[in-house]
Protein backbone atom coordinates (compact mmCIF):
# COMPACT_ATOMS: atom_id res chain seq x y z
CA MET A 1 15.23 -8.64 -13.42
CA ARG A 2 15.04 -5.01 -15.05
CA VAL A 3 14.12 -2.02 -13.28
CA GLU A 4 14.48 1.73 -13.68
CA VAL A 5 15.87 4.30 -11.42
CA ILE A 6 14.80 8.10 -12.10
CA ARG A 7 15.10 11.32 -10.49
CA ALA A 8 13.62 14.59 -11.86
CA TRP A 9 13.80 18.47 -11.64
CA PRO A 10 11.54 20.96 -12.99
CA HIS A 11 12.95 20.93 -16.54
CA ARG A 12 15.01 17.74 -16.86
CA PHE A 13 15.22 14.09 -15.52
CA GLU A 14 17.88 11.41 -15.28
CA SER A 15 17.10 7.68 -15.88
CA VAL A 16 19.28 4.56 -15.47
CA ASP A 17 18.24 1.06 -16.65
CA LEU A 18 19.36 -1.65 -14.36
CA ASP A 19 19.50 -5.47 -14.46
CA LEU A 20 19.31 -6.73 -10.92
CA PRO A 21 19.19 -10.22 -9.71
CA ASP A 22 15.81 -11.62 -8.38
CA GLY A 23 14.94 -10.63 -4.62
CA SER A 24 16.53 -7.15 -5.06
CA VAL A 25 15.25 -4.46 -3.06
CA VAL A 26 15.00 -0.60 -3.65
CA ALA A 27 18.20 0.07 -1.63
CA ASP A 28 19.89 -2.49 -4.26
CA ALA A 29 18.52 -0.39 -7.00
CA ILE A 30 19.72 3.04 -5.37
CA ALA A 31 23.20 1.50 -4.57
CA ALA A 32 23.60 0.21 -8.35
CA CYS A 33 22.35 3.68 -9.92
CA GLY A 34 25.44 5.67 -9.60
CA PHE A 35 23.55 8.75 -8.58
CA ASP A 36 26.47 10.45 -6.28
CA ASP A 37 24.65 12.94 -4.55
CA LEU A 38 21.91 11.11 -2.94
CA THR A 39 21.49 11.63 0.86
CA PRO A 40 20.30 8.97 3.47
CA GLY A 41 16.68 9.15 4.09
CA GLN A 42 15.73 11.07 0.79
CA PRO A 43 12.43 9.95 -0.15
CA LEU A 44 11.83 7.09 -2.82
CA ALA A 45 8.73 5.88 -4.48
CA VAL A 46 7.94 2.79 -6.75
CA HIS A 47 5.55 3.78 -9.47
CA GLY A 48 4.50 6.95 -7.54
CA LEU A 49 3.81 5.01 -4.07
CA MET A 50 6.18 5.99 -1.21
CA VAL A 51 8.55 3.12 -0.18
CA GLU A 52 11.43 2.36 2.02
CA GLY A 53 14.70 0.80 1.20
CA GLY A 54 13.74 -2.63 2.15
CA THR A 55 10.70 -2.88 -0.23
CA ALA A 56 11.11 -5.64 -2.77
CA LEU A 57 11.29 -5.01 -6.43
CA ARG A 58 9.52 -6.79 -9.43
CA GLU A 59 10.34 -6.86 -12.97
CA GLY A 60 9.77 -3.69 -14.70
CA ASP A 61 9.40 -1.47 -11.52
CA ARG A 62 10.37 2.23 -11.81
CA VAL A 63 12.24 3.52 -8.45
CA GLU A 64 11.68 7.25 -8.36
CA VAL A 65 14.21 9.32 -6.21
CA LEU A 66 12.02 12.16 -4.75
CA ARG A 67 13.16 15.87 -4.14
CA PRO A 68 12.80 17.18 -0.61
CA LEU A 69 9.88 19.54 -0.38
CA LEU A 70 11.13 23.21 -0.67
CA LEU A 71 8.02 24.35 1.53
CA ASP A 72 5.49 22.64 3.73
CA PRO A 73 2.30 21.99 1.71
CA THR A 74 0.19 23.73 4.39
CA GLU A 75 2.45 26.72 4.67
CA ALA A 76 2.01 27.13 0.58
CA ARG A 77 -1.67 26.96 0.79
CA ARG A 78 -1.49 29.77 3.68
CA ARG A 79 0.48 31.80 1.64
CA ARG A 80 -1.64 31.42 -1.50
CA ALA A 81 -4.65 31.97 0.23
CA SER A 82 -3.26 35.21 1.99
CA GLU A 83 -2.34 36.56 -1.65
CA GLU A 84 -5.77 35.82 -2.99
CA ILE A 85 -7.32 38.04 -0.28
CA THR A 86 -5.13 40.82 -0.35
CA PRO A 87 -6.83 43.50 -1.96
CA LYS A 88 -5.95 44.45 -5.36
CA SER A 89 -5.10 47.92 -6.79
CA LYS A 90 -8.91 49.53 -7.36
CA ILE A 91 -9.79 51.37 -10.45
CA ILE A 92 -11.99 54.04 -9.53
CA ALA A 93 -14.43 55.26 -12.48
CA THR A 94 -15.33 58.63 -12.58
CA LYS A 95 -17.95 60.43 -14.90
């Protein structure tokens, strides 16, 4: 069966097409893709849905190696909200 393993960064991506035996799982695809710098427990997805290494693959699946979060989403929202509330420099009109 043909599957694709992909990983992406902000301005580039790396993709590998694989021909795996029927009954292969996500972990098999990751092992066969040749990406050397993957860490155990790195988040994975198939067509955008989070999966574990034991998830069965089907013909044409796209396995995505996800990057770890740089900042907790809740904390990111708090920071954006505090920036919006911070008073901007005021222009005072004089006549």
